[in-house]
PDB file of N, CA and C in Angstrom:
ATOM      1  N   MET A   1      -2.508 -12.121 -34.056  1.00  0.00           N
ATOM      2  CA  MET A   1      -2.143 -10.937 -33.907  1.00  0.00           C
ATOM      3  C   MET A   1      -1.206  -9.958 -35.016  1.00  0.00           C
ATOM      4  N   ILE A   2      -1.615  -8.860 -34.879  1.00  0.00           N
ATOM      5  CA  ILE A   2      -1.140  -7.738 -36.084  1.00  0.00           C
ATOM      6  C   ILE A   2      -0.228  -6.775 -35.427  1.00  0.00           C
ATOM      7  N   ILE A   3       0.907  -6.727 -35.797  1.00  0.00           N
ATOM      8  CA  ILE A   3       1.888  -5.869 -35.129  1.00  0.00           C
ATOM      9  C   ILE A   3       2.177  -5.027 -36.238  1.00  0.00           C
ATOM     10  N   LYS A   4       2.532  -3.923 -36.336  1.00  0.00           N
ATOM     11  CA  LYS A   4       2.824  -2.585 -37.155  1.00  0.00           C
ATOM     12  C   LYS A   4       3.941  -1.807 -36.495  1.00  0.00           C
ATOM     13  N   SER A   5       5.165  -1.951 -37.693  1.00  0.00           N
ATOM     14  CA  SER A   5       6.319  -1.267 -37.419  1.00  0.00           C
ATOM     15  C   SER A   5       6.104   0.019 -37.385  1.00  0.00           C
ATOM     16  N   SER A   6       6.850   0.981 -36.747  1.00  0.00           N
ATOM     17  CA  SER A   6       6.904   2.490 -36.391  1.00  0.00           C
ATOM     18  C   SER A   6       8.277   3.148 -36.585  1.00  0.00           C
ATOM     19  N   THR A   7       8.351   4.080 -37.375  1.00  0.00           N
ATOM     20  CA  THR A   7       9.817   4.689 -37.641  1.00  0.00           C
ATOM     21  C   THR A   7      10.104   5.872 -36.641  1.00  0.00           C
ATOM     22  N   ARG A   8       8.942   5.999 -35.948  1.00  0.00           N
ATOM     23  CA  ARG A   8       9.040   7.199 -35.101  1.00  0.00           C
ATOM     24  C   ARG A   8       9.928   6.940 -33.925  1.00  0.00           C
ATOM     25  N   SER A   9      10.821   8.181 -33.562  1.00  0.00           N
ATOM     26  CA  SER A   9      11.605   7.743 -32.366  1.00  0.00           C
ATOM     27  C   SER A   9      10.964   8.001 -31.149  1.00  0.00           C
ATOM     28  N   PHE A  10      11.369   7.384 -30.038  1.00  0.00           N
ATOM     29  CA  PHE A  10      10.671   7.197 -28.811  1.00  0.00           C
ATOM     30  C   PHE A  10      10.666   8.398 -28.268  1.00  0.00           C
ATOM     31  N   GLU A  11       9.513   9.001 -27.532  1.00  0.00           N
ATOM     32  CA  GLU A  11       9.458  10.001 -26.651  1.00  0.00           C
ATOM     33  C   GLU A  11       8.941   9.854 -25.307  1.00  0.00           C
ATOM     34  N   PRO A  12      10.098  10.348 -24.499  1.00  0.00           N
ATOM     35  CA  PRO A  12       9.583  10.378 -23.229  1.00  0.00           C
ATOM     36  C   PRO A  12       8.379  10.712 -22.686  1.00  0.00           C
ATOM     37  N   HIS A  13       7.570  10.386 -21.634  1.00  0.00           N
ATOM     38  CA  HIS A  13       6.253  11.107 -21.008  1.00  0.00           C
ATOM     39  C   HIS A  13       6.847  12.165 -20.477  1.00  0.00           C
ATOM     40  N   PRO A  14       6.268  13.217 -21.023  1.00  0.00           N
ATOM     41  CA  PRO A  14       6.702  14.684 -20.295  1.00  0.00           C
ATOM     42  C   PRO A  14       6.920  14.567 -18.752  1.00  0.00           C
ATOM     43  N   GLU A  15       7.432  15.870 -18.378  1.00  0.00           N
ATOM     44  CA  GLU A  15       7.796  15.787 -16.960  1.00  0.00           C
ATOM     45  C   GLU A  15       6.572  16.556 -16.624  1.00  0.00           C
ATOM     46  N   GLY A  16       6.446  16.577 -15.129  1.00  0.00           N
ATOM     47  CA  GLY A  16       5.084  17.509 -14.811  1.00  0.00           C
ATOM     48  C   GLY A  16       4.363  16.670 -13.692  1.00  0.00           C
ATOM     49  N   THR A  17       3.274  17.568 -13.583  1.00  0.00           N
ATOM     50  CA  THR A  17       2.390  16.992 -12.585  1.00  0.00           C
ATOM     51  C   THR A  17       0.789  16.956 -13.539  1.00  0.00           C
ATOM     52  N   PHE A  18       0.311  15.772 -13.532  1.00  0.00           N
ATOM     53  CA  PHE A  18      -0.868  14.985 -14.061  1.00  0.00           C
ATOM     54  C   PHE A  18      -1.888  14.359 -13.036  1.00  0.00           C
ATOM     55  N   ARG A  19      -3.064  14.442 -13.768  1.00  0.00           N
ATOM     56  CA  ARG A  19      -4.237  13.647 -13.130  1.00  0.00           C
ATOM     57  C   ARG A  19      -3.944  12.202 -13.362  1.00  0.00           C
ATOM     58  N   GLY A  20      -3.493  11.322 -12.540  1.00  0.00           N
ATOM     59  CA  GLY A  20      -3.150   9.851 -12.628  1.00  0.00           C
ATOM     60  C   GLY A  20      -4.376   9.098 -12.445  1.00  0.00           C
ATOM     61  N   HIS A  21      -4.819   8.069 -13.142  1.00  0.00           N
ATOM     62  CA  HIS A  21      -5.764   7.516 -12.686  1.00  0.00           C
ATOM     63  C   HIS A  21      -5.132   5.851 -13.393  1.00  0.00           C
ATOM     64  N   ILE A  22      -5.333   4.914 -11.939  1.00  0.00           N
ATOM     65  CA  ILE A  22      -4.613   3.657 -12.040  1.00  0.00           C
ATOM     66  C   ILE A  22      -5.508   2.457 -12.692  1.00  0.00           C
ATOM     67  N   THR A  23      -5.212   1.903 -13.972  1.00  0.00           N
ATOM     68  CA  THR A  23      -6.010   1.223 -14.495  1.00  0.00           C
ATOM     69  C   THR A  23      -5.745  -0.117 -14.743  1.00  0.00           C
ATOM     70  N   ASN A  24      -4.806  -0.335 -14.157  1.00  0.00           N
ATOM     71  CA  ASN A  24      -4.406  -2.042 -14.075  1.00  0.00           C
ATOM     72  C   ASN A  24      -3.247  -2.050 -12.959  1.00  0.00           C
ATOM     73  N   ILE A  25      -3.372  -3.259 -12.370  1.00  0.00           N
ATOM     74  CA  ILE A  25      -2.474  -3.584 -11.276  1.00  0.00           C
ATOM     75  C   ILE A  25      -1.924  -4.972 -11.599  1.00  0.00           C
ATOM     76  N   ASP A  26      -0.471  -5.320 -11.523  1.00  0.00           N
ATOM     77  CA  ASP A  26      -0.017  -6.767 -12.152  1.00  0.00           C
ATOM     78  C   ASP A  26       0.737  -7.054 -11.129  1.00  0.00           C
ATOM     79  N   GLN A  27       0.800  -8.442 -10.958  1.00  0.00           N
ATOM     80  CA  GLN A  27       2.084  -9.011  -9.934  1.00  0.00           C
ATOM     81  C   GLN A  27       3.140  -9.255 -11.049  1.00  0.00           C
ATOM     82  N   ALA A  28       4.218  -8.807 -10.497  1.00  0.00           N
ATOM     83  CA  ALA A  28       5.449  -9.529 -11.229  1.00  0.00           C
ATOM     84  C   ALA A  28       6.722 -10.068 -10.518  1.00  0.00           C
ATOM     85  N   VAL A  29       7.805 -10.543 -11.175  1.00  0.00           N
ATOM     86  CA  VAL A  29       8.981 -10.829 -10.601  1.00  0.00           C
ATOM     87  C   VAL A  29       9.949  -9.669 -10.953  1.00  0.00           C
ATOM     88  N   SER A  30      10.746  -9.214 -10.077  1.00  0.00           N
ATOM     89  CA  SER A  30      11.855  -8.187 -10.846  1.00  0.00           C
ATOM     90  C   SER A  30      12.770  -8.633 -11.374  1.00  0.00           C
ATOM     91  N   LYS A  31      12.999  -8.265 -12.558  1.00  0.00           N
ATOM     92  CA  LYS A  31      14.369  -8.972 -13.430  1.00  0.00           C
ATOM     93  C   LYS A  31      15.549  -8.715 -12.619  1.00  0.00           C
ATOM     94  N   TYR A  32      15.776  -7.591 -11.860  1.00  0.00           N
ATOM     95  CA  TYR A  32      16.786  -7.428 -11.182  1.00  0.00           C
ATOM     96  C   TYR A  32      17.298  -7.901  -9.852  1.00  0.00           C
ATOM     97  N   HIS A  33      16.290  -8.117  -9.233  1.00  0.00           N
ATOM     98  CA  HIS A  33      16.194  -8.619  -7.717  1.00  0.00           C
ATOM     99  C   HIS A  33      15.548  -9.930  -7.894  1.00  0.00           C
ATOM    100  N   GLY A  34      14.820 -10.213  -8.455  1.00  0.00           N
ATOM    101  CA  GLY A  34      14.234 -11.815  -8.338  1.00  0.00           C
ATOM    102  C   GLY A  34      13.108 -11.747  -7.422  1.00  0.00           C
ATOM    103  N   LYS A  35      12.536 -10.357  -6.760  1.00  0.00           N
ATOM    104  CA  LYS A  35      11.537 -10.273  -5.885  1.00  0.00           C
ATOM    105  C   LYS A  35      10.522  -9.907  -6.342  1.00  0.00           C
ATOM    106  N   PRO A  36       9.331 -10.570  -5.971  1.00  0.00           N
ATOM    107  CA  PRO A  36       7.959  -9.969  -6.239  1.00  0.00           C
ATOM    108  C   PRO A  36       7.798  -8.359  -6.033  1.00  0.00           C
ATOM    109  N   GLU A  37       6.842  -7.673  -7.077  1.00  0.00           N
ATOM    110  CA  GLU A  37       6.622  -6.571  -7.383  1.00  0.00           C
ATOM    111  C   GLU A  37       5.307  -6.341  -8.006  1.00  0.00           C
ATOM    112  N   LEU A  38       4.755  -5.164  -7.702  1.00  0.00           N
ATOM    113  CA  LEU A  38       3.482  -4.631  -8.244  1.00  0.00           C
ATOM    114  C   LEU A  38       3.855  -3.950  -9.405  1.00  0.00           C
ATOM    115  N   VAL A  39       2.987  -3.649 -10.598  1.00  0.00           N
ATOM    116  CA  VAL A  39       3.291  -3.056 -11.849  1.00  0.00           C
ATOM    117  C   VAL A  39       1.864  -2.602 -11.856  1.00  0.00           C
ATOM    118  N   PHE A  40       1.910  -1.032 -11.606  1.00  0.00           N
ATOM    119  CA  PHE A  40       0.424  -0.002 -11.710  1.00  0.00           C
ATOM    120  C   PHE A  40       0.744   0.692 -13.281  1.00  0.00           C
ATOM    121  N   THR A  41      -0.293   0.381 -13.971  1.00  0.00           N
ATOM    122  CA  THR A  41      -0.437   0.914 -15.354  1.00  0.00           C
ATOM    123  C   THR A  41      -0.987   2.189 -14.871  1.00  0.00           C
ATOM    124  N   ILE A  42      -0.767   3.559 -15.192  1.00  0.00           N
ATOM    125  CA  ILE A  42      -1.398   4.689 -15.070  1.00  0.00           C
ATOM    126  C   ILE A  42      -1.516   5.484 -16.067  1.00  0.00           C
ATOM    127  N   THR A  43      -2.889   6.073 -16.260  1.00  0.00           N
ATOM    128  CA  THR A  43      -3.215   6.906 -17.656  1.00  0.00           C
ATOM    129  C   THR A  43      -2.939   8.461 -16.947  1.00  0.00           C
ATOM    130  N   THR A  44      -2.291   9.017 -17.704  1.00  0.00           N
ATOM    131  CA  THR A  44      -2.311  10.513 -17.152  1.00  0.00           C
ATOM    132  C   THR A  44      -2.777  11.306 -18.515  1.00  0.00           C
ATOM    133  N   THR A  45      -3.397  12.291 -17.721  1.00  0.00           N
ATOM    134  CA  THR A  45      -3.735  13.455 -18.631  1.00  0.00           C
ATOM    135  C   THR A  45      -3.496  14.707 -17.777  1.00  0.00           C
ATOM    136  N   PRO A  46      -3.216  15.779 -18.611  1.00  0.00           N
ATOM    137  CA  PRO A  46      -2.630  16.952 -18.236  1.00  0.00           C
ATOM    138  C   PRO A  46      -3.835  17.792 -17.535  1.00  0.00           C
ATOM    139  N   ILE A  47      -3.106  18.656 -16.359  1.00  0.00           N
ATOM    140  CA  ILE A  47      -4.146  19.310 -15.654  1.00  0.00           C
ATOM    141  C   ILE A  47      -4.587  20.199 -16.417  1.00  0.00           C
ATOM    142  N   HIS A  48      -3.852  21.092 -17.156  1.00  0.00           N
ATOM    143  CA  HIS A  48      -4.095  22.427 -17.993  1.00  0.00           C
ATOM    144  C   HIS A  48      -3.506  22.053 -19.482  1.00  0.00           C
ATOM    145  N   GLY A  49      -4.079  22.529 -20.139  1.00  0.00           N
ATOM    146  CA  GLY A  49      -3.503  22.081 -21.595  1.00  0.00           C
ATOM    147  C   GLY A  49      -4.473  21.313 -22.727  1.00  0.00           C
ATOM    148  N   GLU A  50      -4.087  21.062 -23.259  1.00  0.00           N
ATOM    149  CA  GLU A  50      -4.760  19.858 -24.393  1.00  0.00           C
ATOM    150  C   GLU A  50      -5.020  18.508 -23.581  1.00  0.00           C
ATOM    151  N   PRO A  51      -5.834  17.851 -23.911  1.00  0.00           N
ATOM    152  CA  PRO A  51      -6.136  16.891 -23.033  1.00  0.00           C
ATOM    153  C   PRO A  51      -5.411  15.216 -23.859  1.00  0.00           C
ATOM    154  N   THR A  52      -4.420  15.501 -23.775  1.00  0.00           N
ATOM    155  CA  THR A  52      -3.294  14.243 -24.025  1.00  0.00           C
ATOM    156  C   THR A  52      -3.386  13.191 -23.398  1.00  0.00           C
ATOM    157  N   VAL A  53      -3.690  11.900 -23.584  1.00  0.00           N
ATOM    158  CA  VAL A  53      -3.979  11.036 -22.951  1.00  0.00           C
ATOM    159  C   VAL A  53      -2.644   9.917 -22.870  1.00  0.00           C
ATOM    160  N   ARG A  54      -2.081   9.828 -21.992  1.00  0.00           N
ATOM    161  CA  ARG A  54      -0.773   9.112 -22.077  1.00  0.00           C
ATOM    162  C   ARG A  54      -0.574   7.615 -20.776  1.00  0.00           C
ATOM    163  N   THR A  55       0.349   6.889 -21.053  1.00  0.00           N
ATOM    164  CA  THR A  55       0.145   5.651 -20.135  1.00  0.00           C
ATOM    165  C   THR A  55       1.860   5.739 -19.323  1.00  0.00           C
ATOM    166  N   ILE A  56       2.023   5.680 -18.227  1.00  0.00           N
ATOM    167  CA  ILE A  56       2.977   5.193 -17.592  1.00  0.00           C
ATOM    168  C   ILE A  56       2.783   4.446 -16.861  1.00  0.00           C
ATOM    169  N   LYS A  57       4.068   3.176 -16.398  1.00  0.00           N
ATOM    170  CA  LYS A  57       4.070   2.457 -15.448  1.00  0.00           C
ATOM    171  C   LYS A  57       4.770   2.620 -14.220  1.00  0.00           C
ATOM    172  N   GLN A  58       4.304   2.245 -13.168  1.00  0.00           N
ATOM    173  CA  GLN A  58       5.129   2.454 -11.889  1.00  0.00           C
ATOM    174  C   GLN A  58       5.484   0.666 -11.071  1.00  0.00           C
ATOM    175  N   TRP A  59       6.754   0.555 -10.864  1.00  0.00           N
ATOM    176  CA  TRP A  59       6.919  -0.848 -10.328  1.00  0.00           C
ATOM    177  C   TRP A  59       7.166  -0.459  -8.947  1.00  0.00           C
ATOM    178  N   THR A  60       6.517  -1.261  -7.846  1.00  0.00           N
ATOM    179  CA  THR A  60       6.917  -0.917  -6.536  1.00  0.00           C
ATOM    180  C   THR A  60       6.671  -2.563  -5.965  1.00  0.00           C
ATOM    181  N   SER A  61       7.383  -2.497  -4.835  1.00  0.00           N
ATOM    182  CA  SER A  61       7.624  -3.460  -3.713  1.00  0.00           C
ATOM    183  C   SER A  61       6.129  -3.628  -3.036  1.00  0.00           C
ATOM    184  N   PRO A  62       5.766  -5.146  -2.837  1.00  0.00           N
ATOM    185  CA  PRO A  62       4.383  -5.149  -2.292  1.00  0.00           C
ATOM    186  C   PRO A  62       4.556  -4.955  -0.716  1.00  0.00           C
ATOM    187  N   SER A  63       5.302  -4.406  -0.195  1.00  0.00           N
ATOM    188  CA  SER A  63       5.846  -4.078   1.157  1.00  0.00           C
ATOM    189  C   SER A  63       5.070  -2.738   1.370  1.00  0.00           C
ATOM    190  N   LEU A  64       3.949  -2.516   2.736  1.00  0.00           N
ATOM    191  CA  LEU A  64       3.186  -1.517   2.987  1.00  0.00           C
ATOM    192  C   LEU A  64       3.527  -1.170   4.051  1.00  0.00           C
ATOM    193  N   THR A  65       4.467  -0.042   4.147  1.00  0.00           N
ATOM    194  CA  THR A  65       4.551   0.750   5.305  1.00  0.00           C
ATOM    195  C   THR A  65       4.795   2.086   4.806  1.00  0.00           C
ATOM    196  N   PRO A  66       4.259   3.131   6.031  1.00  0.00           N
ATOM    197  CA  PRO A  66       4.475   4.441   5.306  1.00  0.00           C
ATOM    198  C   PRO A  66       5.773   5.107   4.713  1.00  0.00           C
ATOM    199  N   GLN A  67       6.840   4.372   4.526  1.00  0.00           N
ATOM    200  CA  GLN A  67       8.106   4.706   3.896  1.00  0.00           C
ATOM    201  C   GLN A  67       8.175   4.124   2.395  1.00  0.00           C
ATOM    202  N   THR A  68       7.349   2.840   2.176  1.00  0.00           N
ATOM    203  CA  THR A  68       7.646   2.627   0.873  1.00  0.00           C
ATOM    204  C   THR A  68       6.528   3.213  -0.262  1.00  0.00           C
ATOM    205  N   ASN A  69       6.896   2.933  -1.542  1.00  0.00           N
ATOM    206  CA  ASN A  69       6.374   3.701  -2.613  1.00  0.00           C
ATOM    207  C   ASN A  69       4.742   3.014  -2.512  1.00  0.00           C
ATOM    208  N   LEU A  70       4.404   1.861  -2.182  1.00  0.00           N
ATOM    209  CA  LEU A  70       3.297   1.471  -1.991  1.00  0.00           C
ATOM    210  C   LEU A  70       2.387   2.185  -0.994  1.00  0.00           C
ATOM    211  N   GLY A  71       2.933   2.364   0.115  1.00  0.00           N
ATOM    212  CA  GLY A  71       2.281   3.119   1.530  1.00  0.00           C
ATOM    213  C   GLY A  71       2.011   4.248   0.776  1.00  0.00           C
ATOM    214  N   GLN A  72       2.945   5.296   0.381  1.00  0.00           N
ATOM    215  CA  GLN A  72       2.862   6.507   0.073  1.00  0.00           C
ATOM    216  C   GLN A  72       1.593   6.671  -0.958  1.00  0.00           C
ATOM    217  N   LEU A  73       1.524   5.896  -1.948  1.00  0.00           N
ATOM    218  CA  LEU A  73       0.411   5.660  -3.012  1.00  0.00           C
ATOM    219  C   LEU A  73      -0.790   5.426  -2.117  1.00  0.00           C
ATOM    220  N   TYR A  74      -0.718   4.631  -1.267  1.00  0.00           N
ATOM    221  CA  TYR A  74      -2.221   4.305  -0.499  1.00  0.00           C
ATOM    222  C   TYR A  74      -2.467   5.272   0.328  1.00  0.00           C
ATOM    223  N   MET A  75      -1.651   5.876   1.099  1.00  0.00           N
ATOM    224  CA  MET A  75      -1.824   6.919   1.836  1.00  0.00           C
ATOM    225  C   MET A  75      -2.371   8.330   0.911  1.00  0.00           C
ATOM    226  N   THR A  76      -1.717   8.607   0.127  1.00  0.00           N
ATOM    227  CA  THR A  76      -2.233   9.811  -0.803  1.00  0.00           C
ATOM    228  C   THR A  76      -3.611   9.448  -1.327  1.00  0.00           C
ATOM    229  N   ILE A  77      -4.054   8.226  -2.052  1.00  0.00           N
ATOM    230  CA  ILE A  77      -5.282   7.919  -2.437  1.00  0.00           C
ATOM    231  C   ILE A  77      -6.385   7.948  -1.481  1.00  0.00           C
ATOM    232  N   SER A  78      -5.988   7.242  -0.180  1.00  0.00           N
ATOM    233  CA  SER A  78      -6.987   6.922   0.658  1.00  0.00           C
ATOM    234  C   SER A  78      -7.251   8.127   1.544  1.00  0.00           C
ATOM    235  N   GLY A  79      -6.022   8.690   1.836  1.00  0.00           N
ATOM    236  CA  GLY A  79      -6.344  10.139   2.862  1.00  0.00           C
ATOM    237  C   GLY A  79      -6.154   9.519   4.231  1.00  0.00           C
ATOM    238  N   GLN A  80      -5.670   7.943   4.413  1.00  0.00           N
ATOM    239  CA  GLN A  80      -5.729   7.224   5.803  1.00  0.00           C
ATOM    240  C   GLN A  80      -4.176   6.781   6.014  1.00  0.00           C
ATOM    241  N   GLU A  81      -3.678   7.182   7.557  1.00  0.00           N
ATOM    242  CA  GLU A  81      -2.365   6.905   7.354  1.00  0.00           C
ATOM    243  C   GLU A  81      -2.507   4.958   7.765  1.00  0.00           C
ATOM    244  N   ILE A  82      -1.305   4.474   7.672  1.00  0.00           N
ATOM    245  CA  ILE A  82      -1.043   3.029   7.805  1.00  0.00           C
ATOM    246  C   ILE A  82      -0.735   2.600   9.149  1.00  0.00           C
ATOM    247  N   GLN A  83      -1.469   1.926   9.570  1.00  0.00           N
ATOM    248  CA  GLN A  83      -1.386   1.466  11.332  1.00  0.00           C
ATOM    249  C   GLN A  83      -0.825  -0.025  11.015  1.00  0.00           C
ATOM    250  N   ASP A  84      -0.238  -0.302  12.184  1.00  0.00           N
ATOM    251  CA  ASP A  84       0.246  -1.523  12.208  1.00  0.00           C
ATOM    252  C   ASP A  84      -0.556  -2.950  11.978  1.00  0.00           C
ATOM    253  N   GLY A  85      -0.721  -3.837  11.219  1.00  0.00           N
ATOM    254  CA  GLY A  85      -1.403  -4.810  10.845  1.00  0.00           C
ATOM    255  C   GLY A  85      -2.411  -4.526   9.706  1.00  0.00           C
ATOM    256  N   LEU A  86      -2.549  -3.090   9.052  1.00  0.00           N
ATOM    257  CA  LEU A  86      -3.137  -2.728   7.987  1.00  0.00           C
ATOM    258  C   LEU A  86      -3.400  -3.833   7.002  1.00  0.00           C
ATOM    259  N   GLU A  87      -4.352  -4.262   6.415  1.00  0.00           N
ATOM    260  CA  GLU A  87      -4.538  -5.096   5.191  1.00  0.00           C
ATOM    261  C   GLU A  87      -5.303  -4.368   4.159  1.00  0.00           C
ATOM    262  N   ILE A  88      -4.587  -4.021   2.775  1.00  0.00           N
ATOM    263  CA  ILE A  88      -5.418  -3.633   1.920  1.00  0.00           C
ATOM    264  C   ILE A  88      -5.723  -4.463   0.704  1.00  0.00           C
ATOM    265  N   ASP A  89      -6.766  -4.559   0.003  1.00  0.00           N
ATOM    266  CA  ASP A  89      -6.983  -4.777  -1.261  1.00  0.00           C
ATOM    267  C   ASP A  89      -6.715  -4.194  -2.517  1.00  0.00           C
ATOM    268  N   THR A  90      -5.795  -4.432  -3.258  1.00  0.00           N
ATOM    269  CA  THR A  90      -5.244  -3.582  -4.391  1.00  0.00           C
ATOM    270  C   THR A  90      -6.742  -3.047  -5.277  1.00  0.00           C
ATOM    271  N   ASP A  91      -7.123  -4.435  -5.437  1.00  0.00           N
ATOM    272  CA  ASP A  91      -8.494  -4.313  -6.539  1.00  0.00           C
ATOM    273  C   ASP A  91      -9.238  -3.302  -5.700  1.00  0.00           C
ATOM    274  N   LYS A  92      -9.563  -3.347  -4.910  1.00  0.00           N
ATOM    275  CA  LYS A  92     -10.781  -2.391  -4.156  1.00  0.00           C
ATOM    276  C   LYS A  92     -10.164  -1.046  -3.598  1.00  0.00           C
ATOM    277  N   ASP A  93      -8.974  -0.849  -3.042  1.00  0.00           N
ATOM    278  CA  ASP A  93      -8.364   0.282  -2.615  1.00  0.00           C
ATOM    279  C   ASP A  93      -7.514   1.092  -3.355  1.00  0.00           C
ATOM    280  N   LEU A  94      -7.142   0.519  -4.495  1.00  0.00           N
ATOM    281  CA  LEU A  94      -6.334   1.290  -5.474  1.00  0.00           C
ATOM    282  C   LEU A  94      -6.430   0.999  -6.795  1.00  0.00           C
ATOM    283  N   LEU A  95      -7.058   0.174  -7.451  1.00  0.00           N
ATOM    284  CA  LEU A  95      -7.541  -0.078  -8.677  1.00  0.00           C
ATOM    285  C   LEU A  95      -8.681   0.748  -9.260  1.00  0.00           C
ATOM    286  N   HIS A  96      -8.542   1.655 -10.317  1.00  0.00           N
ATOM    287  CA  HIS A  96      -9.631   2.574 -10.925  1.00  0.00           C
ATOM    288  C   HIS A  96      -9.665   3.955  -9.715  1.00  0.00           C
ATOM    289  N   LYS A  97      -8.624   4.184  -9.205  1.00  0.00           N
ATOM    290  CA  LYS A  97      -8.527   5.604  -8.216  1.00  0.00           C
ATOM    291  C   LYS A  97      -7.861   6.230  -8.771  1.00  0.00           C
ATOM    292  N   SER A  98      -7.704   7.571  -8.397  1.00  0.00           N
ATOM    293  CA  SER A  98      -6.954   8.525  -9.022  1.00  0.00           C
ATOM    294  C   SER A  98      -6.299   9.451  -8.011  1.00  0.00           C
ATOM    295  N   ALA A  99      -5.247  10.368  -8.446  1.00  0.00           N
ATOM    296  CA  ALA A  99      -4.507  11.370  -7.575  1.00  0.00           C
ATOM    297  C   ALA A  99      -3.466  12.059  -8.434  1.00  0.00           C
ATOM    298  N   LEU A 100      -3.085  13.004  -8.097  1.00  0.00           N
ATOM    299  CA  LEU A 100      -2.149  13.868  -9.047  1.00  0.00           C
ATOM    300  C   LEU A 100      -0.633  12.908  -8.983  1.00  0.00           C
ATOM    301  N   VAL A 101      -0.168  12.739 -10.012  1.00  0.00           N
ATOM    302  CA  VAL A 101       1.299  11.922 -10.169  1.00  0.00           C
ATOM    303  C   VAL A 101       2.224  13.162 -11.102  1.00  0.00           C
ATOM    304  N   VAL A 102       3.370  12.869 -10.182  1.00  0.00           N
ATOM    305  CA  VAL A 102       4.403  13.906 -10.615  1.00  0.00           C
ATOM    306  C   VAL A 102       5.414  12.790 -11.112  1.00  0.00           C
ATOM    307  N   VAL A 103       5.652  13.397 -12.475  1.00  0.00           N
ATOM    308  CA  VAL A 103       6.744  12.229 -13.310  1.00  0.00           C
ATOM    309  C   VAL A 103       7.958  13.206 -13.906  1.00  0.00           C
ATOM    310  N   GLU A 104       8.997  12.473 -13.744  1.00  0.00           N
ATOM    311  CA  GLU A 104      10.337  13.106 -13.689  1.00  0.00           C
ATOM    312  C   GLU A 104      11.315  12.250 -14.824  1.00  0.00           C
ATOM    313  N   HIS A 105      11.979  12.836 -15.185  1.00  0.00           N
ATOM    314  CA  HIS A 105      13.011  12.602 -16.512  1.00  0.00           C
ATOM    315  C   HIS A 105      14.246  12.293 -15.650  1.00  0.00           C
ATOM    316  N   TYR A 106      15.172  11.091 -16.138  1.00  0.00           N
ATOM    317  CA  TYR A 106      16.390  11.034 -15.424  1.00  0.00           C
ATOM    318  C   TYR A 106      17.352  10.329 -16.680  1.00  0.00           C
ATOM    319  N   LEU A 107      18.550  10.322 -16.680  1.00  0.00           N
ATOM    320  CA  LEU A 107      19.329   9.976 -17.633  1.00  0.00           C
ATOM    321  C   LEU A 107      19.822   8.325 -17.315  1.00  0.00           C
ATOM    322  N   LYS A 108      19.695   7.647 -18.358  1.00  0.00           N
ATOM    323  CA  LYS A 108      19.702   6.219 -18.289  1.00  0.00           C
ATOM    324  C   LYS A 108      21.421   5.898 -18.430  1.00  0.00           C
ATOM    325  N   ARG A 109      21.747   5.029 -18.045  1.00  0.00           N
ATOM    326  CA  ARG A 109      23.242   4.295 -18.160  1.00  0.00           C
ATOM    327  C   ARG A 109      23.662   4.600 -19.756  1.00  0.00           C
ATOM    328  N   ASP A 110      22.566   4.303 -20.743  1.00  0.00           N
ATOM    329  CA  ASP A 110      23.063   4.185 -22.056  1.00  0.00           C
ATOM    330  C   ASP A 110      22.832   5.589 -22.594  1.00  0.00           C
ATOM    331  N   GLY A 111      22.627   6.506 -21.538  1.00  0.00           N
ATOM    332  CA  GLY A 111      22.917   8.063 -22.155  1.00  0.00           C
ATOM    333  C   GLY A 111      21.332   8.520 -22.646  1.00  0.00           C
ATOM    334  N   ARG A 112      20.443   7.805 -22.676  1.00  0.00           N
ATOM    335  CA  ARG A 112      18.710   8.088 -23.400  1.00  0.00           C
ATOM    336  C   ARG A 112      18.245   8.686 -22.106  1.00  0.00           C
ATOM    337  N   THR A 113      16.976   9.441 -22.374  1.00  0.00           N
ATOM    338  CA  THR A 113      16.256  10.105 -21.194  1.00  0.00           C
ATOM    339  C   THR A 113      15.144   8.940 -20.812  1.00  0.00           C
ATOM    340  N   GLY A 114      15.088   8.651 -19.638  1.00  0.00           N
ATOM    341  CA  GLY A 114      14.020   7.751 -19.145  1.00  0.00           C
ATOM    342  C   GLY A 114      13.350   8.624 -18.297  1.00  0.00           C
ATOM    343  N   TYR A 115      11.996   7.978 -17.849  1.00  0.00           N
ATOM    344  CA  TYR A 115      10.990   8.647 -16.953  1.00  0.00           C
ATOM    345  C   TYR A 115      10.495   7.910 -16.037  1.00  0.00           C
ATOM    346  N   ARG A 116       9.903   8.485 -14.905  1.00  0.00           N
ATOM    347  CA  ARG A 116       9.316   7.620 -14.028  1.00  0.00           C
ATOM    348  C   ARG A 116       8.461   8.566 -13.027  1.00  0.00           C
ATOM    349  N   VAL A 117       7.752   7.593 -12.172  1.00  0.00           N
ATOM    350  CA  VAL A 117       7.001   8.179 -11.093  1.00  0.00           C
ATOM    351  C   VAL A 117       7.567   8.872 -10.360  1.00  0.00           C
ATOM    352  N   SER A 118       7.860  10.293  -9.921  1.00  0.00           N
ATOM    353  CA  SER A 118       8.933  10.463  -8.552  1.00  0.00           C
ATOM    354  C   SER A 118       7.775  10.570  -7.407  1.00  0.00           C
ATOM    355  N   HIS A 119       6.619  10.988  -7.200  1.00  0.00           N
ATOM    356  CA  HIS A 119       5.679  10.871  -6.303  1.00  0.00           C
ATOM    357  C   HIS A 119       3.971  11.042  -6.608  1.00  0.00           C
ATOM    358  N   TRP A 120       3.287  10.835  -5.603  1.00  0.00           N
ATOM    359  CA  TRP A 120       2.103  11.214  -6.069  1.00  0.00           C
ATOM    360  C   TRP A 120       1.484  12.115  -4.982  1.00  0.00           C
ATOM    361  N   GLN A 121       0.581  12.768  -5.144  1.00  0.00           N
ATOM    362  CA  GLN A 121      -0.227  14.110  -4.324  1.00  0.00           C
ATOM    363  C   GLN A 121      -1.714  13.899  -4.663  1.00  0.00           C
ATOM    364  N   PRO A 122      -2.270  14.158  -3.257  1.00  0.00           N
ATOM    365  CA  PRO A 122      -3.923  14.204  -3.350  1.00  0.00           C
ATOM    366  C   PRO A 122      -4.499  14.938  -4.427  1.00  0.00           C
ATOM    367  N   LEU A 123      -5.675  14.711  -5.030  1.00  0.00           N
ATOM    368  CA  LEU A 123      -6.202  15.676  -6.003  1.00  0.00           C
ATOM    369  C   LEU A 123      -6.879  17.013  -5.272  1.00  0.00           C
ATOM    370  N   ASN A 124      -6.931  17.350  -4.000  1.00  0.00           N
ATOM    371  CA  ASN A 124      -7.739  18.204  -3.417  1.00  0.00           C
ATOM    372  C   ASN A 124      -6.559  19.231  -3.033  1.00  0.00           C
TER     373      ASN A 124
END
């Protein structure tokens, strides 16, 4: 593996609304809580302006209810409400799907600017 150094400073993902496309979904264990989580890799492109492609990640619990991040994402992409007993296959129901993703900045504990997915919106 070849690794190249960079002297460029870190620039956070810009704030705003972007077209988001889920390109990967991994399972992980939260380093803070030790619980299972899903890690979504999302490619974003601006709705207007130059077509700069960026990538952002979203970590979420695997809990599927209308109130959870996963539930909100599923309902936005599928257009379906979550009924009791619903089972989804993330590879079929979410992977390679698109929606609008809203990215926000926040202040980290160390004073740097972080970024995260605030919420998702339907494409239409």
